[in-house]
Protein backbone atom coordinates (compact mmCIF):
# COMPACT_ATOMS: atom_id res chain seq x y z
CA UNK A 1 34.75 -56.11 -18.05
CA UNK A 2 31.09 -55.14 -18.27
CA UNK A 3 29.76 -53.25 -21.23
CA UNK A 4 28.46 -49.79 -20.42
CA UNK A 5 24.84 -49.02 -21.09
CA UNK A 6 23.96 -46.03 -23.20
CA UNK A 7 20.72 -45.38 -21.35
CA UNK A 8 20.07 -44.93 -17.68
CA UNK A 9 17.95 -47.45 -15.83
CA UNK A 10 14.25 -46.69 -16.24
CA UNK A 11 14.61 -44.81 -19.53
CA UNK A 12 13.50 -46.03 -22.88
CA UNK A 13 15.86 -46.09 -25.80
CA UNK A 14 15.52 -43.06 -28.09
CA UNK A 15 13.92 -45.02 -30.94
CA UNK A 16 10.94 -46.16 -28.86
CA UNK A 17 9.97 -42.67 -27.61
CA UNK A 18 6.89 -41.17 -29.21
CA UNK A 19 7.55 -38.25 -31.47
CA UNK A 20 6.77 -34.76 -30.16
CA UNK A 21 3.42 -33.42 -31.29
CA UNK A 22 3.67 -30.86 -34.03
CA UNK A 23 2.77 -27.33 -33.07
CA UNK A 24 -0.44 -26.13 -34.66
CA UNK A 25 0.15 -23.93 -37.59
CA UNK A 26 -1.75 -20.68 -37.11
CA UNK A 27 -2.55 -18.25 -39.81
CA UNK A 28 0.46 -16.02 -40.20
CA UNK A 29 -0.12 -12.48 -38.96
CA UNK A 30 1.82 -9.46 -39.97
CA UNK A 31 4.48 -8.46 -37.48
CA UNK A 32 3.05 -6.27 -34.71
CA UNK A 33 -0.60 -7.00 -35.54
CA UNK A 34 -2.98 -7.71 -32.64
CA UNK A 35 -6.10 -9.79 -32.64
CA UNK A 36 -9.45 -8.23 -31.73
CA UNK A 37 -9.38 -9.86 -28.28
CA UNK A 38 -5.89 -8.51 -27.60
CA UNK A 39 -6.95 -5.01 -28.70
CA UNK A 40 -10.01 -5.12 -26.43
CA UNK A 41 -7.88 -6.27 -23.49
CA UNK A 42 -5.34 -3.51 -24.16
CA UNK A 43 -8.10 -0.89 -24.28
CA UNK A 44 -9.54 -2.18 -20.99
CA UNK A 45 -6.13 -2.06 -19.29
CA UNK A 46 -5.47 1.43 -20.60
CA UNK A 47 -8.83 2.69 -19.34
CA UNK A 48 -8.15 1.17 -15.91
CA UNK A 49 -4.68 2.79 -15.74
CA UNK A 50 -6.08 6.19 -16.74
CA UNK A 51 -8.79 5.93 -14.07
CA UNK A 52 -6.20 5.04 -11.39
CA UNK A 53 -3.98 7.95 -12.45
CA UNK A 54 -6.96 10.33 -12.32
CA UNK A 55 -7.90 9.11 -8.82
CA UNK A 56 -4.31 9.48 -7.61
CA UNK A 57 -4.12 13.01 -8.99
CA UNK A 58 -7.38 13.95 -7.27
CA UNK A 59 -6.10 12.54 -3.97
CA UNK A 60 -2.86 14.51 -4.35
CA UNK A 61 -4.73 17.72 -5.05
CA UNK A 62 -7.06 17.15 -2.08
CA UNK A 63 -4.13 16.55 0.28
CA UNK A 64 -2.32 19.59 -1.17
CA UNK A 65 -5.39 21.76 -0.56
CA UNK A 66 -5.80 20.39 2.96
CA UNK A 67 -2.15 21.09 3.78
CA UNK A 68 -2.46 24.64 2.46
CA UNK A 69 -5.55 25.17 4.56
CA UNK A 70 -3.86 23.77 7.69
CA UNK A 71 -0.74 25.88 7.16
CA UNK A 72 -2.85 29.00 6.63
CA UNK A 73 -4.50 28.45 10.03
CA UNK A 74 -1.18 29.33 11.63
CA UNK A 75 0.20 26.46 13.64
CA UNK A 76 3.24 28.53 14.55
CA UNK A 77 5.57 26.29 12.56
CA UNK A 78 6.40 26.63 8.89
CA UNK A 79 4.96 23.97 6.66
CA UNK A 80 7.38 21.19 5.71
CA UNK A 81 8.45 21.31 2.10
CA UNK A 82 8.70 18.12 0.10
CA UNK A 83 7.99 16.97 -3.41
CA UNK A 84 4.25 16.69 -3.86
CA UNK A 85 4.06 13.25 -5.47
CA UNK A 86 7.00 11.56 -3.80
CA UNK A 87 6.68 8.27 -1.96
CA UNK A 88 8.53 9.66 1.06
CA UNK A 89 6.06 12.55 1.34
CA UNK A 90 3.10 10.17 1.22
CA UNK A 91 4.61 7.88 3.87
CA UNK A 92 5.54 10.78 6.13
CA UNK A 93 2.05 12.22 5.83
CA UNK A 94 0.52 8.91 6.90
CA UNK A 95 3.04 8.58 9.73
CA UNK A 96 2.36 12.14 10.89
CA UNK A 97 -1.36 11.37 11.06
CA UNK A 98 -0.62 8.38 13.31
CA UNK A 99 1.62 10.48 15.57
CA UNK A 100 -0.97 13.24 15.94
CA UNK A 101 -3.69 10.74 16.80
CA UNK A 102 -1.46 8.98 19.37
CA UNK A 103 -0.43 12.25 21.05
CA UNK A 104 -4.06 13.31 21.34
CA UNK A 105 -4.90 9.98 22.97
CA UNK A 106 -2.01 10.32 25.41
CA UNK A 107 -3.07 13.83 26.39
CA UNK A 108 -6.69 12.72 26.80
CA UNK A 109 -5.78 9.76 29.03
CA UNK A 110 -3.26 11.76 31.06
CA UNK A 111 -5.74 14.60 31.56
CA UNK A 112 -8.48 12.26 32.67
CA UNK A 113 -6.11 10.60 35.18
CA UNK A 114 -5.20 13.99 36.63
CA UNK A 115 -8.88 14.90 36.96
CA UNK A 116 -9.63 11.59 38.72
CA UNK A 117 -6.71 12.11 41.10
CA UNK A 118 -7.85 15.67 41.92
CA UNK A 119 -11.41 14.49 42.62
CA UNK A 120 -10.08 11.74 44.91
CA UNK A 121 -7.91 14.29 46.72
CA UNK A 122 -10.95 16.49 47.30
CA UNK A 123 -13.09 13.58 48.53
CA UNK A 124 -10.45 11.99 50.79
CA UNK A 125 -8.35 14.87 52.19
CA UNK A 126 -10.37 18.03 51.85
CA UNK A 127 -13.94 16.84 52.50
CA UNK A 128 -12.92 13.95 54.74
CA UNK A 129 -15.75 11.75 53.40
CA UNK A 130 -13.56 8.66 53.14
CA UNK A 131 -11.55 7.55 56.17
CA UNK A 132 -8.50 5.43 55.47
């Protein structure tokens, strides 16, 4: 009966492996203390976050003012009520803008087709300029 090997083929025995490198010993810092670079990075991130929040708040107030102005013009329908800062309200506002733009395009194209058909009717049937 063959003797079992303790290592798998292709592996070195444990004694011949090089020892793991020792981790560098850094100067011990008090718990919770940050280095100057970490503090500068944290201050930069905080300033960026505050600027983004300020821009988002300005955008919300602009859209709120625009909606108030549009509802005061009297569209005949009551203004939809939703939470001002909600994600659903923002998505529905964007979607509503797409719908309005598409409906205007449809009306414009349909109206222009009707005008073209009326002009052709006048030229062909009424004036008799084109004989078919």
